[in-house]
Structure formats: structure tokens, C-alpha cells
Amino acid sequence: MADWGPVIVAVVLFVLLTPGLLFQIPGNNRAVEFGNMQTSGASIVVHAIVFSGLITIFLVAIGVHIYAAKI
């Protein structure tokens, strides 16, 4: 059985935390902008830090595991 927990958590967080898709911190004109589909170097760094913090919490502290059974 393969542990798919880290893969699924990483993919979901990557999609949700893509700068400019749902929100962008810091925004180009404001602190937080929603759905502007633009990005900057600062927002990439902030989103990378948030991503690494959340993935550490989910995988190390909580220990998310999803096992796929063979059919």
C-alpha cells in the first residue's frame, strides 16, 4: 500500500496557495488582493513560506496518511 497523504496535501496546498489565483499577499496595490491573476517576487516568497509552514504542520505535526489499497 502506498501512502498518498503527502502527495495529495502538497498538490492541494500548491493549487490553493498559487499567488494570484485565489489571493495574493502582498498585493500590488493593497496588502491582500483577491483573484487578480498577477504575481510579484515578494508574493512568491510569502506564499512559499506559508506553503512550507502548512505542509510541515499537515505532514509532520498532524501526520496525514491516505493509503490506497490494491484492487
Protein backbone atom coordinates (compact mmCIF):
# COMPACT_ATOMS: atom_id res chain seq x y z
CA MET A 1 0.00 0.00 0.00
CA ALA A 2 1.26 3.43 -0.93
CA ASP A 3 0.92 6.46 1.33
CA TRP A 4 -0.75 9.16 -0.80
CA GLY A 5 -1.26 11.65 2.05
CA PRO A 6 1.81 13.80 1.39
CA VAL A 7 1.15 13.88 -2.36
CA ILE A 8 -2.48 14.94 -2.02
CA VAL A 9 -1.76 17.53 0.68
CA ALA A 10 1.10 19.03 -1.35
CA VAL A 11 -0.96 19.25 -4.56
CA VAL A 12 -3.98 20.82 -2.82
CA LEU A 13 -1.84 23.36 -0.98
CA PHE A 14 0.11 24.18 -4.15
CA VAL A 15 -3.08 24.90 -6.09
CA LEU A 16 -4.70 26.88 -3.28
CA LEU A 17 -1.59 28.92 -2.46
CA THR A 18 -0.60 29.82 -6.03
CA PRO A 19 -0.02 33.60 -5.86
CA GLY A 20 -2.77 35.48 -7.67
CA LEU A 21 -5.14 32.55 -8.15
CA LEU A 22 -7.33 32.92 -5.05
CA PHE A 23 -5.42 35.65 -3.23
CA GLN A 24 -2.05 37.40 -3.22
CA ILE A 25 -0.11 38.52 -0.15
CA PRO A 26 1.32 41.21 -0.51
CA GLY A 27 -0.73 42.56 -3.39
CA ASN A 28 0.47 45.04 -5.97
CA ASN A 29 -1.71 47.88 -4.64
CA ARG A 30 -3.01 46.56 -1.28
CA ALA A 31 -1.87 44.18 1.43
CA VAL A 32 -4.16 41.39 0.17
CA GLU A 33 -5.67 41.16 -3.30
CA PHE A 34 -8.16 38.53 -4.38
CA GLY A 35 -8.27 36.87 -7.82
CA ASN A 36 -6.09 39.34 -9.68
CA MET A 37 -4.14 36.64 -11.61
CA GLN A 38 -0.89 38.60 -11.20
CA THR A 39 2.15 37.97 -9.05
CA SER A 40 5.35 39.57 -7.83
CA GLY A 41 8.61 38.37 -6.34
CA ALA A 42 7.57 39.33 -2.82
CA SER A 43 4.30 37.43 -3.07
CA ILE A 44 6.12 34.33 -4.34
CA VAL A 45 8.38 34.41 -1.28
CA VAL A 46 5.47 34.94 1.14
CA HIS A 47 3.40 32.17 -0.43
CA ALA A 48 6.41 29.80 -0.38
CA ILE A 49 6.91 30.43 3.33
CA VAL A 50 3.20 29.88 4.04
CA PHE A 51 3.24 26.70 1.90
CA SER A 52 6.26 25.25 3.69
CA GLY A 53 4.78 26.06 7.09
CA LEU A 54 1.41 24.48 6.30
CA ILE A 55 2.90 21.37 4.69
CA THR A 56 5.11 20.90 7.75
CA ILE A 57 2.10 21.17 10.04
CA PHE A 58 -0.01 18.75 8.00
CA LEU A 59 2.68 16.13 7.35
CA VAL A 60 4.89 16.23 10.44
CA ALA A 61 2.74 17.55 13.28
CA ILE A 62 -0.65 16.08 12.31
CA GLY A 63 0.65 13.17 10.24
CA VAL A 64 -1.84 12.97 7.37
CA HIS A 65 -1.84 9.48 5.80
CA ILE A 66 -4.01 8.24 2.96
CA TYR A 67 -3.46 4.67 1.87
CA ALA A 68 -4.54 3.28 -1.49
CA ALA A 69 -5.49 -0.39 -1.47
CA LYS A 70 -4.78 -2.66 -4.41
CA ILE A 71 -7.83 -3.93 -6.19
